[in-house]
């Protein structure tokens, strides 16, 4: 299920970094400091990057 705009805005920081998955390797990382970054998890030559 894709993340909604409301879910992204409501994501609050916690003690450890959190990952909110959007689908097909795309996720939103929420840092303890409150920063939010989009990340992409993929495999190249059998290794996760």
N, C-alpha and C. Protein backbone atom coordinates (compact mmCIF):
# COMPACT_ATOMS: atom_id res chain seq x y z
N UNK A 1 0.84 -1.17 0.00
CA UNK A 1 0.00 0.00 0.00
C UNK A 1 0.89 1.24 0.00
N UNK A 2 0.73 2.13 -0.96
CA UNK A 2 1.56 3.33 -1.03
C UNK A 2 1.31 4.27 0.14
N UNK A 3 2.35 5.01 0.48
CA UNK A 3 2.21 6.01 1.54
C UNK A 3 1.37 7.18 1.03
N UNK A 4 0.58 7.73 1.90
CA UNK A 4 -0.22 8.91 1.54
C UNK A 4 0.48 10.16 2.03
N UNK A 5 0.09 11.28 1.49
CA UNK A 5 0.66 12.56 1.92
C UNK A 5 0.41 12.78 3.41
N UNK A 6 -0.77 12.40 3.88
CA UNK A 6 -1.12 12.57 5.28
C UNK A 6 -0.22 11.72 6.18
N UNK A 7 0.06 10.48 5.77
CA UNK A 7 0.92 9.59 6.55
C UNK A 7 2.36 10.12 6.62
N UNK A 8 2.83 10.70 5.52
CA UNK A 8 4.19 11.24 5.48
C UNK A 8 4.31 12.45 6.40
N UNK A 9 3.35 13.34 6.34
CA UNK A 9 3.37 14.53 7.19
C UNK A 9 3.21 14.19 8.67
N UNK A 10 2.47 13.12 8.97
CA UNK A 10 2.22 12.72 10.36
C UNK A 10 3.35 11.90 10.96
N UNK A 11 4.32 11.47 10.15
CA UNK A 11 5.42 10.65 10.66
C UNK A 11 6.27 11.47 11.62
N UNK A 12 6.34 11.01 12.85
CA UNK A 12 7.09 11.70 13.89
C UNK A 12 8.39 10.96 14.18
N UNK A 13 9.43 11.68 14.56
CA UNK A 13 10.70 11.01 14.89
C UNK A 13 10.59 10.18 16.17
N UNK A 14 11.42 9.15 16.26
CA UNK A 14 11.50 8.32 17.46
C UNK A 14 12.96 8.23 17.87
N UNK A 15 13.28 7.40 18.83
CA UNK A 15 14.66 7.29 19.32
C UNK A 15 15.61 6.76 18.26
N UNK A 16 15.10 5.85 17.40
CA UNK A 16 15.90 5.27 16.34
C UNK A 16 15.29 5.66 14.99
N UNK A 17 16.10 5.59 13.94
CA UNK A 17 15.61 5.89 12.60
C UNK A 17 14.53 4.88 12.21
N UNK A 18 13.48 5.36 11.56
CA UNK A 18 12.39 4.50 11.12
C UNK A 18 12.31 4.48 9.61
N UNK A 19 11.84 3.38 9.07
CA UNK A 19 11.64 3.25 7.64
C UNK A 19 10.16 2.99 7.38
N UNK A 20 9.56 3.83 6.55
CA UNK A 20 8.17 3.67 6.15
C UNK A 20 8.17 3.29 4.67
N UNK A 21 7.84 2.04 4.38
CA UNK A 21 7.94 1.53 3.01
C UNK A 21 6.75 1.95 2.16
N UNK A 22 7.08 2.33 0.91
CA UNK A 22 6.07 2.79 -0.05
C UNK A 22 5.80 1.71 -1.10
N UNK A 23 6.74 0.88 -1.37
CA UNK A 23 6.55 -0.19 -2.35
C UNK A 23 7.68 -0.23 -3.36
N UNK A 24 7.99 -1.44 -3.83
CA UNK A 24 9.02 -1.69 -4.83
C UNK A 24 10.37 -1.10 -4.46
N UNK A 25 10.74 -1.16 -3.19
CA UNK A 25 12.05 -0.73 -2.73
C UNK A 25 12.14 0.73 -2.30
N UNK A 26 11.12 1.52 -2.54
CA UNK A 26 11.13 2.93 -2.15
C UNK A 26 10.62 3.06 -0.72
N UNK A 27 11.36 3.81 0.11
CA UNK A 27 10.91 4.02 1.47
C UNK A 27 11.30 5.41 1.96
N UNK A 28 10.61 5.86 2.99
CA UNK A 28 10.88 7.15 3.61
C UNK A 28 11.59 6.87 4.93
N UNK A 29 12.76 7.44 5.10
CA UNK A 29 13.51 7.28 6.35
C UNK A 29 13.28 8.51 7.21
N UNK A 30 12.84 8.29 8.44
CA UNK A 30 12.58 9.37 9.39
C UNK A 30 13.67 9.30 10.46
N UNK A 31 14.52 10.32 10.53
CA UNK A 31 15.63 10.36 11.47
C UNK A 31 15.18 10.83 12.85
N UNK A 32 15.92 10.49 13.89
CA UNK A 32 15.58 10.94 15.24
C UNK A 32 15.55 12.47 15.36
N UNK A 33 16.31 13.16 14.52
CA UNK A 33 16.34 14.62 14.56
C UNK A 33 15.12 15.24 13.88
N UNK A 34 14.33 14.41 13.17
CA UNK A 34 13.13 14.89 12.50
C UNK A 34 13.26 14.99 10.99
N UNK A 35 14.45 14.76 10.46
CA UNK A 35 14.66 14.83 9.01
C UNK A 35 13.98 13.66 8.31
N UNK A 36 13.54 13.90 7.09
CA UNK A 36 12.87 12.87 6.29
C UNK A 36 13.56 12.79 4.93
N UNK A 37 13.94 11.56 4.55
CA UNK A 37 14.62 11.36 3.28
C UNK A 37 14.00 10.18 2.55
N UNK A 38 13.85 10.32 1.23
CA UNK A 38 13.43 9.21 0.40
C UNK A 38 14.66 8.40 0.05
N UNK A 39 14.55 7.08 0.15
CA UNK A 39 15.65 6.17 -0.17
C UNK A 39 15.10 5.08 -1.10
N UNK A 40 15.99 4.48 -1.87
CA UNK A 40 15.63 3.40 -2.77
C UNK A 40 16.53 2.21 -2.47
N UNK A 41 15.93 1.08 -2.15
CA UNK A 41 16.66 -0.16 -1.88
C UNK A 41 16.62 -0.99 -3.15
N UNK A 42 17.80 -1.39 -3.65
CA UNK A 42 17.84 -2.17 -4.89
C UNK A 42 19.00 -3.16 -4.82
N UNK A 43 19.01 -4.09 -5.75
CA UNK A 43 20.08 -5.09 -5.84
C UNK A 43 20.81 -4.92 -7.16
N UNK A 44 22.14 -4.98 -7.07
CA UNK A 44 23.00 -4.90 -8.25
C UNK A 44 24.05 -6.00 -8.10
N UNK A 45 24.11 -6.88 -9.06
CA UNK A 45 25.04 -8.01 -9.03
C UNK A 45 24.87 -8.83 -7.76
N UNK A 46 23.63 -9.00 -7.30
CA UNK A 46 23.35 -9.82 -6.15
C UNK A 46 23.59 -9.16 -4.81
N UNK A 47 24.01 -7.90 -4.80
CA UNK A 47 24.28 -7.20 -3.54
C UNK A 47 23.26 -6.09 -3.35
N UNK A 48 22.81 -5.95 -2.12
CA UNK A 48 21.82 -4.90 -1.80
C UNK A 48 22.53 -3.55 -1.67
N UNK A 49 21.97 -2.55 -2.29
CA UNK A 49 22.53 -1.19 -2.24
C UNK A 49 21.47 -0.22 -1.79
